[in-house]
N, C-alpha and C. Protein backbone atom coordinates (compact mmCIF):
# COMPACT_ATOMS: atom_id res chain seq x y z
N MET A 1 195.48 -11.72 -54.43
CA MET A 1 194.12 -11.18 -54.55
C MET A 1 194.10 -9.77 -53.98
N ARG A 2 193.43 -8.88 -54.68
CA ARG A 2 193.33 -7.50 -54.23
C ARG A 2 191.85 -7.16 -54.02
N PHE A 3 191.59 -6.41 -52.95
CA PHE A 3 190.22 -6.08 -52.57
C PHE A 3 190.07 -4.57 -52.43
N PHE A 4 188.83 -4.12 -52.68
CA PHE A 4 188.47 -2.71 -52.48
C PHE A 4 187.10 -2.69 -51.85
N ARG A 5 186.95 -1.88 -50.81
CA ARG A 5 185.65 -1.72 -50.16
C ARG A 5 185.36 -0.24 -50.02
N GLY A 6 184.15 0.18 -50.36
CA GLY A 6 183.82 1.60 -50.26
C GLY A 6 182.37 1.84 -49.91
N ASP A 7 182.10 3.04 -49.42
CA ASP A 7 180.72 3.40 -49.12
C ASP A 7 180.03 3.90 -50.39
N ALA A 8 178.82 4.39 -50.25
CA ALA A 8 178.02 4.78 -51.40
C ALA A 8 178.64 5.90 -52.23
N ALA A 9 179.53 6.69 -51.64
CA ALA A 9 180.18 7.76 -52.40
C ALA A 9 181.08 7.19 -53.51
N PHE A 10 181.46 5.91 -53.41
CA PHE A 10 182.32 5.27 -54.41
C PHE A 10 181.52 4.51 -55.47
N ALA A 11 180.21 4.59 -55.43
CA ALA A 11 179.37 3.88 -56.40
C ALA A 11 179.35 4.65 -57.72
N ILE A 12 180.47 4.62 -58.41
CA ILE A 12 180.67 5.37 -59.65
C ILE A 12 180.97 4.36 -60.76
N PRO A 13 180.21 4.34 -61.84
CA PRO A 13 180.44 3.36 -62.91
C PRO A 13 181.88 3.32 -63.42
N GLU A 14 182.54 4.44 -63.53
CA GLU A 14 183.93 4.45 -64.00
C GLU A 14 184.86 3.74 -63.02
N LEU A 15 184.57 3.84 -61.74
CA LEU A 15 185.38 3.14 -60.74
C LEU A 15 185.18 1.63 -60.88
N TYR A 16 183.95 1.19 -61.11
CA TYR A 16 183.70 -0.24 -61.32
C TYR A 16 184.55 -0.76 -62.48
N LYS A 17 184.53 -0.02 -63.58
CA LYS A 17 185.29 -0.44 -64.77
C LYS A 17 186.78 -0.54 -64.46
N THR A 18 187.30 0.45 -63.74
CA THR A 18 188.72 0.44 -63.38
C THR A 18 189.05 -0.75 -62.48
N LEU A 19 188.24 -0.99 -61.48
CA LEU A 19 188.49 -2.10 -60.57
C LEU A 19 188.42 -3.44 -61.30
N GLU A 20 187.45 -3.57 -62.20
CA GLU A 20 187.32 -4.81 -62.97
C GLU A 20 188.52 -5.00 -63.91
N ALA A 21 188.97 -3.92 -64.54
CA ALA A 21 190.11 -4.01 -65.45
C ALA A 21 191.38 -4.41 -64.70
N GLU A 22 191.51 -3.94 -63.46
CA GLU A 22 192.68 -4.26 -62.64
C GLU A 22 192.50 -5.55 -61.84
N ARG A 23 191.39 -6.25 -62.06
CA ARG A 23 191.08 -7.54 -61.42
C ARG A 23 190.97 -7.45 -59.89
N TYR A 24 190.35 -6.41 -59.42
CA TYR A 24 190.05 -6.27 -57.99
C TYR A 24 188.74 -6.98 -57.69
N TYR A 25 188.64 -7.52 -56.50
CA TYR A 25 187.35 -7.91 -55.93
C TYR A 25 186.87 -6.70 -55.17
N TYR A 26 185.60 -6.34 -55.32
CA TYR A 26 185.16 -5.12 -54.65
C TYR A 26 183.77 -5.26 -54.06
N ALA A 27 183.56 -4.48 -53.03
CA ALA A 27 182.26 -4.36 -52.36
C ALA A 27 182.02 -2.88 -52.14
N ILE A 28 180.99 -2.37 -52.79
CA ILE A 28 180.66 -0.95 -52.68
C ILE A 28 179.18 -0.83 -52.34
N ARG A 29 178.90 -0.12 -51.29
CA ARG A 29 177.51 0.07 -50.87
C ARG A 29 176.75 0.88 -51.92
N LEU A 30 175.51 0.51 -52.16
CA LEU A 30 174.66 1.25 -53.09
C LEU A 30 173.65 2.07 -52.31
N ARG A 31 173.34 3.23 -52.82
CA ARG A 31 172.27 4.02 -52.20
C ARG A 31 170.95 3.30 -52.44
N ALA A 32 170.08 3.38 -51.47
CA ALA A 32 168.76 2.75 -51.61
C ALA A 32 167.97 3.46 -52.71
N ASN A 33 167.21 2.68 -53.44
CA ASN A 33 166.30 3.23 -54.43
C ASN A 33 165.09 2.30 -54.53
N ARG A 34 164.08 2.69 -55.27
CA ARG A 34 162.85 1.90 -55.34
C ARG A 34 163.08 0.50 -55.90
N VAL A 35 163.92 0.39 -56.89
CA VAL A 35 164.18 -0.92 -57.50
C VAL A 35 164.84 -1.86 -56.49
N LEU A 36 165.89 -1.39 -55.83
CA LEU A 36 166.58 -2.23 -54.85
C LEU A 36 165.67 -2.57 -53.67
N GLN A 37 164.93 -1.59 -53.18
CA GLN A 37 164.00 -1.84 -52.07
C GLN A 37 162.95 -2.88 -52.47
N GLY A 38 162.49 -2.80 -53.71
CA GLY A 38 161.51 -3.77 -54.19
C GLY A 38 162.07 -5.18 -54.24
N ARG A 39 163.35 -5.32 -54.57
CA ARG A 39 163.97 -6.63 -54.67
C ARG A 39 164.13 -7.30 -53.30
N ILE A 40 164.17 -6.53 -52.22
CA ILE A 40 164.34 -7.12 -50.89
C ILE A 40 163.13 -6.90 -49.98
N ALA A 41 162.04 -6.38 -50.54
CA ALA A 41 160.86 -6.04 -49.72
C ALA A 41 160.36 -7.24 -48.92
N HIS A 42 160.37 -8.42 -49.52
CA HIS A 42 159.86 -9.60 -48.81
C HIS A 42 160.72 -9.95 -47.58
N LEU A 43 161.96 -9.50 -47.56
CA LEU A 43 162.83 -9.78 -46.42
C LEU A 43 162.68 -8.76 -45.30
N LEU A 44 162.07 -7.62 -45.60
CA LEU A 44 161.94 -6.56 -44.61
C LEU A 44 160.71 -6.69 -43.73
N LYS A 45 159.81 -7.59 -44.08
CA LYS A 45 158.61 -7.78 -43.27
C LYS A 45 158.95 -8.53 -42.01
N ARG A 46 158.38 -8.08 -40.91
CA ARG A 46 158.63 -8.74 -39.62
C ARG A 46 157.94 -10.10 -39.62
N PRO A 47 158.67 -11.16 -39.27
CA PRO A 47 158.06 -12.48 -39.24
C PRO A 47 157.03 -12.60 -38.12
N VAL A 48 156.10 -13.50 -38.29
CA VAL A 48 155.06 -13.75 -37.30
C VAL A 48 155.69 -14.47 -36.11
N GLY A 49 155.23 -14.16 -34.93
CA GLY A 49 155.71 -14.85 -33.74
C GLY A 49 156.70 -14.01 -32.95
N ARG A 50 157.31 -14.66 -31.99
CA ARG A 50 158.27 -13.98 -31.11
C ARG A 50 159.55 -13.68 -31.87
N PRO A 51 160.17 -12.53 -31.57
CA PRO A 51 161.44 -12.22 -32.23
C PRO A 51 162.55 -13.15 -31.76
N PRO A 52 163.55 -13.36 -32.60
CA PRO A 52 164.67 -14.23 -32.19
C PRO A 52 165.45 -13.60 -31.04
N LYS A 53 166.20 -14.41 -30.33
CA LYS A 53 166.95 -13.92 -29.18
C LYS A 53 168.28 -13.28 -29.56
N GLY A 54 168.65 -13.32 -30.79
CA GLY A 54 169.93 -12.74 -31.19
C GLY A 54 169.80 -12.03 -32.53
N VAL A 55 170.90 -11.94 -33.20
CA VAL A 55 170.94 -11.29 -34.50
C VAL A 55 170.65 -12.34 -35.57
N LYS A 56 169.75 -12.00 -36.47
CA LYS A 56 169.43 -12.89 -37.57
C LYS A 56 169.96 -12.24 -38.85
N ARG A 57 170.87 -12.90 -39.55
CA ARG A 57 171.45 -12.35 -40.77
C ARG A 57 170.93 -13.13 -41.97
N ILE A 58 170.58 -12.40 -43.01
CA ILE A 58 170.09 -13.01 -44.24
C ILE A 58 170.99 -12.52 -45.37
N TYR A 59 171.53 -13.45 -46.15
CA TYR A 59 172.41 -13.11 -47.26
C TYR A 59 171.78 -13.58 -48.56
N GLY A 60 172.08 -12.92 -49.62
CA GLY A 60 171.62 -13.34 -50.93
C GLY A 60 172.18 -12.40 -51.99
N ASP A 61 172.02 -12.76 -53.24
CA ASP A 61 172.50 -11.87 -54.29
C ASP A 61 171.58 -11.93 -55.51
N PHE A 62 171.69 -10.92 -56.35
CA PHE A 62 170.92 -10.84 -57.59
C PHE A 62 171.63 -9.90 -58.54
N GLU A 63 171.27 -9.98 -59.82
CA GLU A 63 171.83 -9.10 -60.84
C GLU A 63 171.06 -7.79 -60.85
N TYR A 64 171.77 -6.68 -60.99
CA TYR A 64 171.14 -5.36 -61.01
C TYR A 64 171.95 -4.45 -61.92
N GLN A 65 171.25 -3.74 -62.78
CA GLN A 65 171.91 -2.75 -63.63
C GLN A 65 171.35 -1.38 -63.32
N ALA A 66 172.20 -0.51 -62.81
CA ALA A 66 171.78 0.87 -62.53
C ALA A 66 171.52 1.59 -63.85
N ALA A 67 170.72 2.62 -63.79
CA ALA A 67 170.44 3.41 -64.99
C ALA A 67 171.71 3.97 -65.59
N SER A 68 172.69 4.31 -64.75
CA SER A 68 173.94 4.88 -65.23
C SER A 68 174.99 3.80 -65.55
N GLY A 69 174.65 2.54 -65.34
CA GLY A 69 175.63 1.47 -65.55
C GLY A 69 175.67 0.99 -66.98
N ASP A 70 176.78 0.34 -67.33
CA ASP A 70 176.94 -0.18 -68.67
C ASP A 70 176.58 -1.66 -68.79
N LYS A 71 176.47 -2.35 -67.64
CA LYS A 71 176.10 -3.76 -67.65
C LYS A 71 175.58 -4.14 -66.27
N PRO A 72 174.85 -5.26 -66.18
CA PRO A 72 174.39 -5.70 -64.86
C PRO A 72 175.57 -6.19 -64.02
N ARG A 73 175.46 -5.97 -62.73
CA ARG A 73 176.49 -6.45 -61.80
C ARG A 73 175.80 -7.19 -60.67
N CYS A 74 176.55 -8.03 -60.01
CA CYS A 74 176.02 -8.81 -58.91
C CYS A 74 175.89 -7.92 -57.68
N VAL A 75 174.72 -7.92 -57.08
CA VAL A 75 174.47 -7.19 -55.85
C VAL A 75 174.24 -8.22 -54.75
N THR A 76 175.00 -8.11 -53.68
CA THR A 76 174.81 -8.99 -52.54
C THR A 76 174.10 -8.22 -51.45
N ARG A 77 173.04 -8.78 -50.96
CA ARG A 77 172.30 -8.11 -49.88
C ARG A 77 172.62 -8.81 -48.57
N ILE A 78 172.81 -8.01 -47.57
CA ILE A 78 173.06 -8.53 -46.23
C ILE A 78 172.11 -7.78 -45.30
N LEU A 79 171.21 -8.50 -44.71
CA LEU A 79 170.27 -7.90 -43.77
C LEU A 79 170.57 -8.46 -42.39
N ALA A 80 170.62 -7.58 -41.43
CA ALA A 80 170.83 -8.00 -40.05
C ALA A 80 169.68 -7.46 -39.22
N ALA A 81 168.93 -8.35 -38.65
CA ALA A 81 167.81 -7.95 -37.80
C ALA A 81 168.22 -8.13 -36.35
N ILE A 82 168.24 -7.05 -35.62
CA ILE A 82 168.62 -7.10 -34.22
C ILE A 82 167.39 -6.75 -33.40
N HIS A 83 167.02 -7.64 -32.53
CA HIS A 83 165.87 -7.41 -31.66
C HIS A 83 166.39 -7.20 -30.25
N ARG A 84 166.14 -6.03 -29.71
CA ARG A 84 166.60 -5.72 -28.36
C ARG A 84 165.39 -5.71 -27.42
N LEU A 85 165.65 -6.10 -26.22
CA LEU A 85 164.61 -6.02 -25.20
C LEU A 85 164.46 -4.59 -24.75
N ARG A 86 163.27 -4.25 -24.33
CA ARG A 86 163.06 -2.93 -23.74
C ARG A 86 163.77 -2.87 -22.40
N SER A 87 163.75 -1.73 -21.80
CA SER A 87 164.38 -1.58 -20.48
C SER A 87 163.84 -2.66 -19.54
N PRO A 88 164.69 -3.15 -18.68
CA PRO A 88 164.20 -4.18 -17.74
C PRO A 88 163.11 -3.61 -16.85
N PRO A 89 162.15 -4.44 -16.47
CA PRO A 89 161.08 -3.95 -15.61
C PRO A 89 161.62 -3.51 -14.25
N VAL A 90 160.97 -2.53 -13.72
CA VAL A 90 161.38 -2.03 -12.38
C VAL A 90 160.63 -2.85 -11.35
N LEU A 91 161.38 -3.42 -10.43
CA LEU A 91 160.75 -4.20 -9.36
C LEU A 91 160.70 -3.34 -8.10
N GLY A 92 159.66 -3.50 -7.35
CA GLY A 92 159.65 -2.72 -6.12
C GLY A 92 158.37 -2.55 -5.53
């Protein structure tokens, strides 16, 4: 099995075609846009109640075809919500 991972600078349709032709598994970050933000908007809202004590990760996927793309591809979303405490209170 061969893998390729890249940042948003590698989100080029011709690269996708090459990787698929060579049977690579790949993960390439996509630049945010209105369509993608709309697909995950419900996950970005802060839940009601106290924040969790650690990192909460949410995974999921959906089909998405960029305007420059030749076909829809699977997009996996990974959201990590990290809630940090403010500075500790000063006692004295």
